[in-house]
Amino acid sequence: MNDNAEPDCLDFIRAPKNGFVSMTQALKGGTELSLKLA
């Protein structure tokens, strides 16, 4: 779990070519929820 939202991590997770689906949840000021698609 990456709770400090490092920009390089978010860039990787949010790039469609890397196979993740991601969204920001309204928890603690914006918690990122990411799922790796098979």
N, C-alpha and C. Protein backbone atom coordinates (compact mmCIF):
# COMPACT_ATOMS: atom_id res chain seq x y z
N MET A 1 0.84 -1.18 0.00
CA MET A 1 0.00 0.00 0.00
C MET A 1 0.88 1.24 0.00
N ASN A 2 0.63 2.11 -0.93
CA ASN A 2 1.39 3.35 -1.03
C ASN A 2 0.50 4.49 -0.55
N ASP A 3 0.65 4.89 0.70
CA ASP A 3 -0.25 5.90 1.25
C ASP A 3 0.23 7.34 1.10
N ASN A 4 1.35 7.55 0.44
CA ASN A 4 1.82 8.93 0.27
C ASN A 4 1.67 9.43 -1.16
N ALA A 5 1.03 8.66 -2.02
CA ALA A 5 0.69 9.08 -3.38
C ALA A 5 1.88 9.67 -4.13
N GLU A 6 2.97 8.94 -4.20
CA GLU A 6 4.13 9.40 -4.94
C GLU A 6 3.77 9.53 -6.42
N PRO A 7 4.10 10.67 -7.04
CA PRO A 7 3.70 10.91 -8.43
C PRO A 7 4.14 9.82 -9.41
N ASP A 8 5.35 9.27 -9.26
CA ASP A 8 5.79 8.25 -10.21
C ASP A 8 4.96 6.98 -10.08
N CYS A 9 4.53 6.65 -8.90
CA CYS A 9 3.67 5.48 -8.68
C CYS A 9 2.30 5.73 -9.31
N LEU A 10 1.73 6.89 -9.06
CA LEU A 10 0.42 7.21 -9.63
C LEU A 10 0.47 7.26 -11.15
N ASP A 11 1.53 7.79 -11.71
CA ASP A 11 1.68 7.82 -13.17
C ASP A 11 1.69 6.41 -13.74
N PHE A 12 2.40 5.50 -13.09
CA PHE A 12 2.47 4.11 -13.54
C PHE A 12 1.10 3.45 -13.45
N ILE A 13 0.44 3.60 -12.30
CA ILE A 13 -0.86 2.97 -12.07
C ILE A 13 -1.91 3.51 -13.03
N ARG A 14 -1.88 4.79 -13.31
CA ARG A 14 -2.91 5.43 -14.14
C ARG A 14 -2.69 5.28 -15.63
N ALA A 15 -1.52 4.80 -16.06
CA ALA A 15 -1.25 4.60 -17.48
C ALA A 15 -1.97 3.33 -17.95
N PRO A 16 -2.92 3.43 -18.88
CA PRO A 16 -3.70 2.28 -19.32
C PRO A 16 -2.86 1.09 -19.79
N LYS A 17 -1.70 1.34 -20.37
CA LYS A 17 -0.87 0.25 -20.89
C LYS A 17 -0.36 -0.69 -19.80
N ASN A 18 -0.40 -0.27 -18.53
CA ASN A 18 0.11 -1.10 -17.44
C ASN A 18 -0.95 -2.02 -16.83
N GLY A 19 -2.19 -1.94 -17.34
CA GLY A 19 -3.22 -2.90 -16.96
C GLY A 19 -3.92 -2.68 -15.63
N PHE A 20 -3.89 -1.46 -15.12
CA PHE A 20 -4.57 -1.17 -13.86
C PHE A 20 -5.83 -0.36 -14.11
N VAL A 21 -6.80 -0.52 -13.24
CA VAL A 21 -7.96 0.36 -13.16
C VAL A 21 -7.83 1.05 -11.81
N SER A 22 -7.97 2.37 -11.81
CA SER A 22 -7.70 3.12 -10.59
C SER A 22 -8.71 4.24 -10.42
N MET A 23 -9.04 4.52 -9.17
CA MET A 23 -9.92 5.65 -8.87
C MET A 23 -9.58 6.19 -7.49
N THR A 24 -9.88 7.45 -7.27
CA THR A 24 -9.64 8.08 -5.97
C THR A 24 -10.90 7.97 -5.12
N GLN A 25 -10.74 7.44 -3.92
CA GLN A 25 -11.83 7.31 -2.96
C GLN A 25 -11.82 8.51 -2.02
N ALA A 26 -12.96 8.88 -1.52
CA ALA A 26 -13.06 10.02 -0.59
C ALA A 26 -12.78 9.57 0.84
N LEU A 27 -11.60 9.05 1.07
CA LEU A 27 -11.17 8.60 2.40
C LEU A 27 -9.87 9.31 2.74
N LYS A 28 -9.77 9.87 3.92
CA LYS A 28 -8.54 10.53 4.37
C LYS A 28 -8.00 11.51 3.32
N GLY A 29 -8.85 12.27 2.71
CA GLY A 29 -8.40 13.28 1.76
C GLY A 29 -8.08 12.75 0.38
N GLY A 30 -8.43 11.52 0.07
CA GLY A 30 -8.23 10.98 -1.27
C GLY A 30 -7.34 9.76 -1.29
N THR A 31 -7.92 8.60 -1.08
CA THR A 31 -7.18 7.34 -1.11
C THR A 31 -7.33 6.72 -2.49
N GLU A 32 -6.24 6.34 -3.10
CA GLU A 32 -6.25 5.74 -4.43
C GLU A 32 -6.53 4.24 -4.30
N LEU A 33 -7.54 3.77 -5.04
CA LEU A 33 -7.87 2.35 -5.10
C LEU A 33 -7.50 1.87 -6.49
N SER A 34 -6.61 0.89 -6.57
CA SER A 34 -6.13 0.38 -7.85
C SER A 34 -6.26 -1.12 -7.90
N LEU A 35 -6.71 -1.62 -9.06
CA LEU A 35 -6.84 -3.06 -9.29
C LEU A 35 -6.08 -3.43 -10.54
N LYS A 36 -5.32 -4.51 -10.47
CA LYS A 36 -4.59 -5.02 -11.63
C LYS A 36 -5.51 -5.98 -12.37
N LEU A 37 -5.74 -5.73 -13.64
CA LEU A 37 -6.59 -6.60 -14.45
C LEU A 37 -5.76 -7.72 -15.04
N ALA A 38 -6.33 -8.91 -15.04
CA ALA A 38 -5.61 -10.07 -15.58
C ALA A 38 -5.77 -10.16 -17.07
